[in-house]
Amino acid sequence: MQKTDTQRLDEARDVMMSAIAQSMVAYGVTPSVGRIYAVLYFAESPLTLDDVKDEVAMSKASVSTGIRELIDTGMVVKVWKKGDRKDHYIAEKDFFKNFLSFMVKMLRLERGIMHKAVEQTEPIMREIAQSGADSEIRALAAKDQALINGSKPYLRWIMQLANAMESGDIFEHVPRPERDERPSDHEPN
């Protein structure tokens, strides 16, 4: 029996949804949270928690947690729908924006953690390197201090990178394609 176009489209969407869900691991979310994003990505209109729950076969609590996680990354937005008291959600469909938002967040997180550690440890290492009682420990502290100093240009660079991503200046160096440059089945070569 030949499949209908509806069945074939549903199967194609399922393949894409699975791929999106699996690839979301790169953004630090589980495939189940990725599946929530994929359902919202292909939704024709904003969905409620119950709508998403029915589509992904997860508990409402798990869907709620997953949506909160996606909202935190900027990949999903809560929207108001006239005449309905329930919250509705839509997916950010711009993969470039999703990527940049996530990367900026992660770069700033890394920089913040590392910068705080440098501020806490550098004075201690400097003091030990300059006036420690044991010459071997002084030498080790001096090496460690040099390693820390070597990380500072990287920390400045990741902030420049995060700023360039956030402002869109990154596209001056790595242009964003306006559309898929490969011809589709219905475009002339």
Protein backbone atom coordinates (compact mmCIF):
# COMPACT_ATOMS: atom_id res chain seq x y z
CA MET A 1 0.00 0.00 0.00
CA GLN A 2 1.42 3.35 -1.02
CA LYS A 3 1.80 6.03 1.67
CA THR A 4 -0.16 9.24 1.43
CA ASP A 5 1.59 12.58 1.16
CA THR A 6 0.49 13.31 4.74
CA GLN A 7 2.15 10.11 5.99
CA ARG A 8 5.31 10.84 4.02
CA LEU A 9 5.45 14.42 5.33
CA ASP A 10 4.91 13.20 8.91
CA GLU A 11 7.76 10.71 8.50
CA ALA A 12 10.05 13.39 7.05
CA ARG A 13 9.19 15.72 9.93
CA ASP A 14 9.87 12.92 12.43
CA VAL A 15 13.33 12.41 10.91
CA MET A 16 14.08 16.14 11.16
CA MET A 17 12.68 16.34 14.68
CA SER A 18 14.87 13.43 15.76
CA ALA A 19 17.92 15.06 14.21
CA ILE A 20 17.17 18.40 15.89
CA ALA A 21 16.60 16.64 19.22
CA GLN A 22 19.88 14.74 18.96
CA SER A 23 21.87 17.77 17.82
CA MET A 24 20.62 19.81 20.77
CA VAL A 25 23.13 17.92 22.91
CA ALA A 26 25.69 20.38 21.49
CA TYR A 27 23.72 23.14 23.25
CA GLY A 28 23.92 21.32 26.56
CA VAL A 29 20.38 20.00 26.62
CA THR A 30 19.16 16.43 26.63
CA PRO A 31 17.58 14.88 23.54
CA SER A 32 14.19 14.95 25.31
CA VAL A 33 14.46 18.72 25.76
CA GLY A 34 15.63 18.88 22.15
CA ARG A 35 12.47 17.03 21.16
CA ILE A 36 10.40 19.73 22.90
CA TYR A 37 12.25 22.36 20.88
CA ALA A 38 11.70 20.39 17.66
CA VAL A 39 7.95 20.11 18.31
CA LEU A 40 7.75 23.87 18.87
CA TYR A 41 9.96 24.51 15.84
CA PHE A 42 7.55 22.71 13.51
CA ALA A 43 4.37 23.97 15.24
CA GLU A 44 2.06 26.04 13.08
CA SER A 45 1.06 28.21 16.06
CA PRO A 46 2.07 28.69 19.71
CA LEU A 47 1.56 25.59 21.88
CA THR A 48 0.63 25.12 25.54
CA LEU A 49 2.42 22.78 27.93
CA ASP A 50 -0.40 20.28 27.43
CA ASP A 51 -0.04 20.47 23.64
CA VAL A 52 3.70 19.81 23.87
CA LYS A 53 3.20 17.06 26.47
CA ASP A 54 0.87 15.23 24.10
CA GLU A 55 3.36 15.50 21.23
CA VAL A 56 6.47 14.35 23.10
CA ALA A 57 4.87 11.78 25.44
CA MET A 58 6.53 13.21 28.53
CA SER A 59 5.08 14.27 31.87
CA LYS A 60 3.81 17.81 32.17
CA ALA A 61 6.43 18.49 34.86
CA SER A 62 9.24 17.31 32.55
CA VAL A 63 7.90 19.41 29.68
CA SER A 64 7.64 22.44 31.98
CA THR A 65 11.24 21.98 33.14
CA GLY A 66 12.41 21.49 29.56
CA ILE A 67 10.62 24.60 28.34
CA ARG A 68 12.12 26.66 31.17
CA GLU A 69 15.55 25.41 30.13
CA LEU A 70 14.87 26.40 26.52
CA ILE A 71 13.57 29.81 27.60
CA ASP A 72 16.80 30.35 29.57
CA THR A 73 18.82 29.70 26.41
CA GLY A 74 16.60 31.99 24.33
CA MET A 75 15.49 29.13 22.08
CA VAL A 76 11.85 29.30 23.18
CA VAL A 77 9.71 32.30 24.05
CA LYS A 78 6.52 32.47 26.12
CA VAL A 79 3.76 34.33 24.30
CA TRP A 80 0.32 35.58 25.19
CA LYS A 81 -2.59 34.23 23.20
CA LYS A 82 -5.79 36.27 23.22
CA GLY A 83 -8.69 34.55 24.96
CA ASP A 84 -6.60 31.84 26.65
CA ARG A 85 -5.28 31.93 30.20
CA LYS A 86 -2.69 29.24 29.61
CA ASP A 87 0.88 30.11 28.68
CA HIS A 88 1.84 29.43 25.09
CA TYR A 89 5.29 28.88 23.65
CA ILE A 90 7.01 29.31 20.32
CA ALA A 91 10.46 28.29 19.16
CA GLU A 92 13.05 30.74 17.93
CA LYS A 93 13.44 29.48 14.38
CA ASP A 94 16.62 31.36 13.54
CA PHE A 95 19.39 28.80 14.08
CA PHE A 96 22.02 31.54 13.79
CA LYS A 97 20.41 33.47 16.64
CA ASN A 98 20.12 30.29 18.74
CA PHE A 99 23.77 29.46 18.17
CA LEU A 100 24.99 32.96 18.95
CA SER A 101 22.84 33.30 22.08
CA PHE A 102 24.09 29.99 23.40
CA MET A 103 27.73 30.63 22.55
CA VAL A 104 27.72 34.14 24.05
CA LYS A 105 26.21 32.76 27.25
CA MET A 106 28.80 29.97 27.45
CA LEU A 107 31.76 32.24 26.63
CA ARG A 108 30.69 34.76 29.26
CA LEU A 109 30.20 31.95 31.78
CA GLU A 110 33.67 30.54 31.07
CA ARG A 111 35.27 33.97 31.26
CA GLY A 112 33.49 34.79 34.51
CA ILE A 113 34.58 31.57 36.20
CA MET A 114 38.17 31.87 35.00
CA HIS A 115 38.44 35.61 35.77
CA LYS A 116 37.24 35.08 39.33
CA ALA A 117 39.73 32.25 39.83
CA VAL A 118 42.57 34.42 38.47
CA GLU A 119 41.62 37.26 40.82
CA GLN A 120 41.59 34.88 43.79
CA THR A 121 44.77 32.95 43.05
CA GLU A 122 47.13 35.38 41.34
CA PRO A 123 47.99 37.45 44.46
CA ILE A 124 48.71 34.27 46.42
CA MET A 125 50.95 32.85 43.71
CA ARG A 126 52.75 36.20 43.29
CA GLU A 127 53.40 36.45 47.03
CA ILE A 128 54.69 32.87 47.25
CA ALA A 129 56.84 33.33 44.11
CA GLN A 130 58.39 36.49 45.56
CA SER A 131 58.78 35.66 49.23
CA GLY A 132 58.02 31.99 49.83
CA ALA A 133 60.23 30.20 52.35
CA ASP A 134 61.05 27.21 50.11
CA SER A 135 62.91 27.88 46.84
CA GLU A 136 61.27 24.93 45.07
CA ILE A 137 57.80 26.16 46.02
CA ARG A 138 58.78 29.72 44.93
CA ALA A 139 59.82 28.36 41.53
CA LEU A 140 56.60 26.33 41.22
CA ALA A 141 54.49 29.37 42.17
CA ALA A 142 56.35 31.46 39.57
CA LYS A 143 55.58 28.84 36.89
CA ASP A 144 51.94 28.75 37.93
CA GLN A 145 51.79 32.55 37.85
CA ALA A 146 53.23 32.50 34.32
CA LEU A 147 50.53 30.01 33.29
CA ILE A 148 47.87 32.29 34.71
CA ASN A 149 49.36 35.29 32.88
CA GLY A 150 49.31 33.21 29.71
CA SER A 151 45.55 32.71 30.09
CA LYS A 152 44.76 36.42 30.26
CA PRO A 153 45.00 37.09 26.50
CA TYR A 154 42.62 34.18 25.95
CA LEU A 155 40.14 35.58 28.47
CA ARG A 156 40.26 38.99 26.74
CA TRP A 157 39.85 37.28 23.35
CA ILE A 158 36.78 35.27 24.35
CA MET A 159 35.15 38.48 25.58
CA GLN A 160 35.92 40.11 22.22
CA LEU A 161 34.46 37.06 20.49
CA ALA A 162 31.34 37.12 22.68
CA ASN A 163 30.91 40.86 22.03
CA ALA A 164 31.33 40.35 18.27
CA MET A 165 28.73 37.58 18.34
CA GLU A 166 26.31 39.60 20.42
CA SER A 167 26.61 42.70 18.23
CA GLY A 168 26.51 40.78 14.95
CA ASP A 169 30.00 41.98 13.99
CA ILE A 170 31.02 38.32 13.68
CA PHE A 171 29.16 38.25 10.36
CA GLU A 172 31.68 40.73 8.92
CA HIS A 173 34.31 38.00 9.30
CA VAL A 174 32.17 34.93 8.77
CA PRO A 175 29.26 36.04 6.59
CA ARG A 176 25.83 34.67 7.27
CA PRO A 177 24.37 33.20 4.10
CA GLU A 178 21.05 34.75 3.18
CA ARG A 179 19.62 31.46 1.94
CA ASP A 180 20.66 27.95 1.10
CA GLU A 181 22.94 28.30 -1.90
CA ARG A 182 22.21 24.82 -3.20
CA PRO A 183 19.31 24.65 -5.63
CA SER A 184 16.20 22.92 -4.36
CA ASP A 185 14.08 20.54 -6.45
CA HIS A 186 11.93 23.43 -7.64
CA GLU A 187 14.64 26.02 -8.29
CA PRO A 188 16.54 26.26 -11.55
CA ASN A 189 20.27 25.50 -11.39
